[in-house]
C-alpha atoms as a PDB file:
ATOM      1  CA  UNK A   1     -91.707 -49.452 139.306  1.00  0.00           C
ATOM      2  CA  UNK A   2     -92.694 -49.350 142.824  1.00  0.00           C
ATOM      3  CA  UNK A   3     -96.138 -48.497 143.997  1.00  0.00           C
ATOM      4  CA  UNK A   4     -96.136 -45.704 146.407  1.00  0.00           C
ATOM      5  CA  UNK A   5     -98.494 -45.669 149.272  1.00  0.00           C
ATOM      6  CA  UNK A   6     -99.918 -42.536 150.676  1.00  0.00           C
ATOM      7  CA  UNK A   7    -100.782 -43.992 154.023  1.00  0.00           C
ATOM      8  CA  UNK A   8     -98.425 -43.446 156.820  1.00  0.00           C
ATOM      9  CA  UNK A   9     -97.506 -45.832 159.590  1.00  0.00           C
ATOM     10  CA  UNK A  10    -100.037 -44.196 161.874  1.00  0.00           C
ATOM     11  CA  UNK A  11    -102.946 -45.126 159.570  1.00  0.00           C
ATOM     12  CA  UNK A  12    -102.205 -48.827 159.544  1.00  0.00           C
ATOM     13  CA  UNK A  13    -104.837 -51.145 161.058  1.00  0.00           C
ATOM     14  CA  UNK A  14    -102.179 -52.657 163.263  1.00  0.00           C
ATOM     15  CA  UNK A  15    -101.385 -49.325 164.854  1.00  0.00           C
ATOM     16  CA  UNK A  16    -103.320 -48.985 168.144  1.00  0.00           C
ATOM     17  CA  UNK A  17    -103.387 -45.226 167.823  1.00  0.00           C
ATOM     18  CA  UNK A  18    -105.351 -45.374 164.565  1.00  0.00           C
ATOM     19  CA  UNK A  19    -107.854 -48.006 165.777  1.00  0.00           C
ATOM     20  CA  UNK A  20    -108.416 -46.528 169.233  1.00  0.00           C
ATOM     21  CA  UNK A  21    -110.782 -43.838 168.010  1.00  0.00           C
ATOM     22  CA  UNK A  22    -112.787 -46.268 165.895  1.00  0.00           C
ATOM     23  CA  UNK A  23    -113.024 -48.803 168.706  1.00  0.00           C
ATOM     24  CA  UNK A  24    -114.199 -46.223 171.196  1.00  0.00           C
ATOM     25  CA  UNK A  25    -116.854 -44.985 168.777  1.00  0.00           C
ATOM     26  CA  UNK A  26    -118.010 -48.558 168.142  1.00  0.00           C
ATOM     27  CA  UNK A  27    -118.049 -49.366 171.848  1.00  0.00           C
ATOM     28  CA  UNK A  28    -120.060 -46.234 172.588  1.00  0.00           C
ATOM     29  CA  UNK A  29    -122.518 -47.066 169.828  1.00  0.00           C
ATOM     30  CA  UNK A  30    -122.887 -50.650 171.060  1.00  0.00           C
ATOM     31  CA  UNK A  31    -123.298 -49.479 174.643  1.00  0.00           C
ATOM     32  CA  UNK A  32    -125.956 -46.979 173.594  1.00  0.00           C
ATOM     33  CA  UNK A  33    -127.834 -49.654 171.652  1.00  0.00           C
ATOM     34  CA  UNK A  34    -127.651 -52.055 174.588  1.00  0.00           C
ATOM     35  CA  UNK A  35    -128.801 -49.350 177.005  1.00  0.00           C
ATOM     36  CA  UNK A  36    -131.697 -48.486 174.710  1.00  0.00           C
ATOM     37  CA  UNK A  37    -132.690 -52.147 174.460  1.00  0.00           C
ATOM     38  CA  UNK A  38    -132.461 -52.519 178.238  1.00  0.00           C
ATOM     39  CA  UNK A  39    -134.639 -49.442 178.771  1.00  0.00           C
ATOM     40  CA  UNK A  40    -137.200 -50.794 176.309  1.00  0.00           C
ATOM     41  CA  UNK A  41    -137.233 -54.153 178.089  1.00  0.00           C
ATOM     42  CA  UNK A  42    -137.713 -52.461 181.465  1.00  0.00           C
ATOM     43  CA  UNK A  43    -140.550 -50.324 180.071  1.00  0.00           C
ATOM     44  CA  UNK A  44    -142.296 -53.394 178.646  1.00  0.00           C
ATOM     45  CA  UNK A  45    -141.840 -55.289 181.913  1.00  0.00           C
ATOM     46  CA  UNK A  46    -143.237 -52.344 183.888  1.00  0.00           C
ATOM     47  CA  UNK A  47    -146.288 -52.160 181.629  1.00  0.00           C
ATOM     48  CA  UNK A  48    -146.870 -55.902 182.003  1.00  0.00           C
ATOM     49  CA  UNK A  49    -146.522 -55.649 185.778  1.00  0.00           C
ATOM     50  CA  UNK A  50    -149.040 -52.813 185.887  1.00  0.00           C
ATOM     51  CA  UNK A  51    -151.526 -54.913 183.921  1.00  0.00           C
ATOM     52  CA  UNK A  52    -150.918 -57.897 186.194  1.00  0.00           C
ATOM     53  CA  UNK A  53    -151.394 -55.743 189.290  1.00  0.00           C
ATOM     54  CA  UNK A  54    -154.673 -54.370 187.935  1.00  0.00           C
ATOM     55  CA  UNK A  55    -155.936 -57.873 187.127  1.00  0.00           C
ATOM     56  CA  UNK A  56    -154.921 -59.094 190.581  1.00  0.00           C
ATOM     57  CA  UNK A  57    -156.742 -56.235 192.304  1.00  0.00           C
ATOM     58  CA  UNK A  58    -159.888 -56.931 190.271  1.00  0.00           C
ATOM     59  CA  UNK A  59    -159.713 -60.643 191.066  1.00  0.00           C
ATOM     60  CA  UNK A  60    -159.228 -59.898 194.765  1.00  0.00           C
ATOM     61  CA  UNK A  61    -162.268 -57.597 194.775  1.00  0.00           C
ATOM     62  CA  UNK A  62    -164.395 -60.208 193.003  1.00  0.00           C
ATOM     63  CA  UNK A  63    -163.250 -62.914 195.420  1.00  0.00           C
ATOM     64  CA  UNK A  64    -164.081 -60.682 198.386  1.00  0.00           C
ATOM     65  CA  UNK A  65    -167.586 -60.154 197.055  1.00  0.00           C
ATOM     66  CA  UNK A  66    -168.067 -63.897 196.567  1.00  0.00           C
ATOM     67  CA  UNK A  67    -166.895 -64.599 200.118  1.00  0.00           C
ATOM     68  CA  UNK A  68    -169.311 -62.019 201.514  1.00  0.00           C
ATOM     69  CA  UNK A  69    -172.167 -63.498 199.472  1.00  0.00           C
ATOM     70  CA  UNK A  70    -171.282 -66.994 200.697  1.00  0.00           C
ATOM     71  CA  UNK A  71    -171.163 -65.819 204.313  1.00  0.00           C
ATOM     72  CA  UNK A  72    -174.566 -64.171 203.979  1.00  0.00           C
ATOM     73  CA  UNK A  73    -176.031 -67.332 202.437  1.00  0.00           C
ATOM     74  CA  UNK A  74    -174.556 -69.487 205.212  1.00  0.00           C
ATOM     75  CA  UNK A  75    -175.976 -67.149 207.847  1.00  0.00           C
ATOM     76  CA  UNK A  76    -179.421 -67.237 206.227  1.00  0.00           C
ATOM     77  CA  UNK A  77    -179.283 -71.043 205.964  1.00  0.00           C
ATOM     78  CA  UNK A  78    -178.301 -71.453 209.620  1.00  0.00           C
ATOM     79  CA  UNK A  79    -181.044 -69.058 210.727  1.00  0.00           C
ATOM     80  CA  UNK A  80    -183.580 -71.077 208.714  1.00  0.00           C
ATOM     81  CA  UNK A  81    -182.311 -74.324 210.253  1.00  0.00           C
ATOM     82  CA  UNK A  82    -182.578 -72.946 213.804  1.00  0.00           C
ATOM     83  CA  UNK A  83    -186.059 -71.656 213.063  1.00  0.00           C
ATOM     84  CA  UNK A  84    -187.111 -75.065 211.708  1.00  0.00           C
ATOM     85  CA  UNK A  85    -185.757 -76.855 214.797  1.00  0.00           C
ATOM     86  CA  UNK A  86    -187.558 -74.430 217.120  1.00  0.00           C
ATOM     87  CA  UNK A  87    -190.800 -74.947 215.224  1.00  0.00           C
ATOM     88  CA  UNK A  88    -190.412 -78.744 215.390  1.00  0.00           C
ATOM     89  CA  UNK A  89    -189.722 -78.585 219.143  1.00  0.00           C
ATOM     90  CA  UNK A  90    -192.829 -76.417 219.672  1.00  0.00           C
ATOM     91  CA  UNK A  91    -195.002 -78.816 217.646  1.00  0.00           C
ATOM     92  CA  UNK A  92    -193.595 -82.088 219.042  1.00  0.00           C
ATOM     93  CA  UNK A  93    -192.060 -81.509 222.485  1.00  0.00           C
ATOM     94  CA  UNK A  94    -192.059 -85.160 223.652  1.00  0.00           C
ATOM     95  CA  UNK A  95    -190.642 -86.422 220.393  1.00  0.00           C
ATOM     96  CA  UNK A  96    -187.935 -83.771 220.615  1.00  0.00           C
ATOM     97  CA  UNK A  97    -186.954 -84.940 224.109  1.00  0.00           C
ATOM     98  CA  UNK A  98    -186.857 -88.557 222.873  1.00  0.00           C
ATOM     99  CA  UNK A  99    -184.647 -87.601 219.936  1.00  0.00           C
ATOM    100  CA  UNK A 100    -182.335 -85.645 222.246  1.00  0.00           C
ATOM    101  CA  UNK A 101    -182.045 -88.600 224.675  1.00  0.00           C
ATOM    102  CA  UNK A 102    -181.349 -91.044 221.819  1.00  0.00           C
ATOM    103  CA  UNK A 103    -178.737 -88.719 220.350  1.00  0.00           C
ATOM    104  CA  UNK A 104    -177.101 -88.388 223.786  1.00  0.00           C
ATOM    105  CA  UNK A 105    -176.896 -92.170 224.250  1.00  0.00           C
ATOM    106  CA  UNK A 106    -175.495 -92.631 220.748  1.00  0.00           C
ATOM    107  CA  UNK A 107    -172.911 -89.903 221.203  1.00  0.00           C
ATOM    108  CA  UNK A 108    -171.796 -91.188 224.618  1.00  0.00           C
ATOM    109  CA  UNK A 109    -171.419 -94.748 223.302  1.00  0.00           C
ATOM    110  CA  UNK A 110    -169.313 -93.507 220.374  1.00  0.00           C
ATOM    111  CA  UNK A 111    -167.098 -91.416 222.643  1.00  0.00           C
ATOM    112  CA  UNK A 112    -166.446 -94.319 225.072  1.00  0.00           C
ATOM    113  CA  UNK A 113    -164.781 -96.418 222.397  1.00  0.00           C
END
């Protein structure tokens, strides 16, 4: 006895007509999954970039404050130094002239060489 098959030639796996529908469905499903994964990756990257931008802005603000504080301290220090020199000159005018002359000689001898 022969076994009879109920499948026709169009249902065979080798027939492109029967596999075309399945392949297209599989391709569409794979494409949708890949698109979904890509969208998720972009969303995660965007969230990470937003966090990085926020941290960078905060760091920039903190650095700006530190620079301003440093500039104010330098200004105060230089004002104190100028005040101290003026006071010394007022208290010891001849000594100040002697120091200035000695510094001038020293500087000119260094610059000649």
